């Protein structure tokens, strides 16, 4: 049981280390797109949260 938890934590740590460098830019890009779409809906007068 303890070995399984240690292995899972090790894999998650490894994915976190790699993920910071490989998909970090993609997450920031998605956040920017979401904010732009939110602002466009507010400017048009629509309900931004649908």
N, C-alpha and C. Protein backbone atom coordinates (compact mmCIF):
# COMPACT_ATOMS: atom_id res chain seq x y z
N UNK A 1 0.83 -1.20 0.00
CA UNK A 1 0.00 0.00 0.00
C UNK A 1 0.87 1.26 0.00
N UNK A 2 1.85 1.29 0.87
CA UNK A 2 2.74 2.45 0.95
C UNK A 2 3.57 2.57 -0.32
N UNK A 3 3.95 1.44 -0.89
CA UNK A 3 4.73 1.46 -2.13
C UNK A 3 3.89 2.01 -3.29
N UNK A 4 2.62 1.65 -3.31
CA UNK A 4 1.72 2.15 -4.36
C UNK A 4 1.56 3.66 -4.26
N UNK A 5 1.37 4.16 -3.06
CA UNK A 5 1.23 5.60 -2.86
C UNK A 5 2.52 6.32 -3.26
N UNK A 6 3.66 5.75 -2.90
CA UNK A 6 4.94 6.36 -3.25
C UNK A 6 5.12 6.38 -4.76
N UNK A 7 4.74 5.30 -5.44
CA UNK A 7 4.88 5.24 -6.89
C UNK A 7 3.97 6.27 -7.57
N UNK A 8 2.74 6.39 -7.08
CA UNK A 8 1.80 7.37 -7.65
C UNK A 8 2.32 8.79 -7.45
N UNK A 9 2.82 9.09 -6.26
CA UNK A 9 3.36 10.42 -6.00
C UNK A 9 4.58 10.70 -6.86
N UNK A 10 5.41 9.71 -7.08
CA UNK A 10 6.59 9.88 -7.91
C UNK A 10 6.19 10.18 -9.36
N UNK A 11 5.20 9.46 -9.87
CA UNK A 11 4.73 9.70 -11.24
C UNK A 11 4.12 11.09 -11.35
N UNK A 12 3.30 11.49 -10.38
CA UNK A 12 2.68 12.82 -10.41
C UNK A 12 3.74 13.92 -10.33
N UNK A 13 4.78 13.70 -9.51
CA UNK A 13 5.86 14.67 -9.42
C UNK A 13 6.58 14.79 -10.75
N UNK A 14 6.85 13.66 -11.40
CA UNK A 14 7.53 13.65 -12.69
C UNK A 14 6.70 14.37 -13.75
N UNK A 15 5.40 14.12 -13.78
CA UNK A 15 4.53 14.80 -14.73
C UNK A 15 4.47 16.30 -14.46
N UNK A 16 4.51 16.67 -13.20
CA UNK A 16 4.52 18.09 -12.85
C UNK A 16 5.78 18.79 -13.30
N UNK A 17 6.92 18.13 -13.16
CA UNK A 17 8.19 18.72 -13.58
C UNK A 17 8.21 18.89 -15.09
N UNK A 18 7.76 17.89 -15.81
CA UNK A 18 7.75 17.98 -17.27
C UNK A 18 6.65 18.93 -17.74
N UNK A 19 5.50 18.88 -17.10
CA UNK A 19 4.36 19.70 -17.50
C UNK A 19 4.60 21.18 -17.39
N UNK A 20 5.41 21.59 -16.44
CA UNK A 20 5.69 23.02 -16.26
C UNK A 20 6.35 23.57 -17.51
N UNK A 21 7.23 22.80 -18.12
CA UNK A 21 7.98 23.31 -19.26
C UNK A 21 7.29 23.04 -20.60
N UNK A 22 6.49 21.98 -20.69
CA UNK A 22 5.93 21.63 -21.99
C UNK A 22 4.53 22.18 -22.21
N UNK A 23 3.66 22.15 -21.21
CA UNK A 23 2.29 22.62 -21.43
C UNK A 23 1.98 23.89 -20.66
N UNK A 24 2.97 24.47 -20.02
CA UNK A 24 2.75 25.71 -19.28
C UNK A 24 2.31 26.83 -20.19
N UNK A 25 2.93 26.95 -21.37
CA UNK A 25 2.58 28.00 -22.31
C UNK A 25 1.18 27.79 -22.86
N UNK A 26 0.79 26.52 -23.04
CA UNK A 26 -0.54 26.23 -23.59
C UNK A 26 -1.63 26.63 -22.60
N UNK A 27 -1.40 26.38 -21.32
CA UNK A 27 -2.38 26.76 -20.30
C UNK A 27 -2.52 28.28 -20.25
N UNK A 28 -1.40 29.00 -20.35
CA UNK A 28 -1.46 30.45 -20.35
C UNK A 28 -2.19 30.96 -21.60
N UNK A 29 -1.98 30.32 -22.72
CA UNK A 29 -2.67 30.70 -23.95
C UNK A 29 -4.18 30.50 -23.80
N UNK A 30 -4.60 29.38 -23.21
CA UNK A 30 -6.02 29.14 -23.00
C UNK A 30 -6.63 30.17 -22.05
N UNK A 31 -5.89 30.56 -21.01
CA UNK A 31 -6.39 31.58 -20.09
C UNK A 31 -6.57 32.92 -20.79
N UNK A 32 -5.63 33.29 -21.63
CA UNK A 32 -5.73 34.56 -22.36
C UNK A 32 -6.92 34.53 -23.30
N UNK A 33 -7.13 33.42 -24.01
CA UNK A 33 -8.27 33.30 -24.92
C UNK A 33 -9.58 33.39 -24.13
N UNK A 34 -9.65 32.74 -22.98
CA UNK A 34 -10.86 32.78 -22.17
C UNK A 34 -11.16 34.20 -21.69
N UNK A 35 -10.14 34.92 -21.28
CA UNK A 35 -10.34 36.30 -20.81
C UNK A 35 -10.81 37.18 -21.96
N UNK A 36 -10.21 37.01 -23.15
CA UNK A 36 -10.62 37.81 -24.31
C UNK A 36 -12.07 37.52 -24.67
N UNK A 37 -12.47 36.26 -24.68
CA UNK A 37 -13.85 35.91 -25.00
C UNK A 37 -14.81 36.48 -23.95
N UNK A 38 -14.41 36.46 -22.68
CA UNK A 38 -15.21 37.03 -21.60
C UNK A 38 -15.41 38.52 -21.81
N UNK A 39 -14.34 39.23 -22.15
CA UNK A 39 -14.42 40.67 -22.36
C UNK A 39 -15.27 41.01 -23.58
N UNK A 40 -15.16 40.22 -24.64
CA UNK A 40 -15.97 40.47 -25.84
C UNK A 40 -17.45 40.33 -25.51
N UNK A 41 -17.81 39.33 -24.72
CA UNK A 41 -19.22 39.15 -24.35
C UNK A 41 -19.72 40.31 -23.50
N UNK A 42 -18.86 40.82 -22.61
CA UNK A 42 -19.26 41.98 -21.78
C UNK A 42 -19.45 43.21 -22.66
N UNK A 43 -18.54 43.43 -23.61
CA UNK A 43 -18.62 44.61 -24.47
C UNK A 43 -19.88 44.55 -25.33
N UNK A 44 -20.24 43.37 -25.81
CA UNK A 44 -21.45 43.23 -26.63
C UNK A 44 -22.74 43.35 -25.81
N UNK A 45 -22.63 43.31 -24.49
CA UNK A 45 -23.80 43.43 -23.65
C UNK A 45 -24.48 42.11 -23.34
N UNK A 46 -23.84 41.00 -23.70
CA UNK A 46 -24.41 39.70 -23.42
C UNK A 46 -24.05 39.26 -22.00
N UNK A 47 -24.74 38.23 -21.55
CA UNK A 47 -24.41 37.66 -20.25
C UNK A 47 -23.10 36.87 -20.38
N UNK A 48 -22.04 37.28 -19.71
CA UNK A 48 -20.75 36.64 -19.89
C UNK A 48 -20.69 35.21 -19.32
N UNK A 49 -21.59 34.92 -18.41
CA UNK A 49 -21.57 33.59 -17.79
C UNK A 49 -22.84 32.85 -18.22
N UNK A 50 -22.71 31.96 -19.18
CA UNK A 50 -23.85 31.22 -19.68
C UNK A 50 -23.60 29.75 -19.56
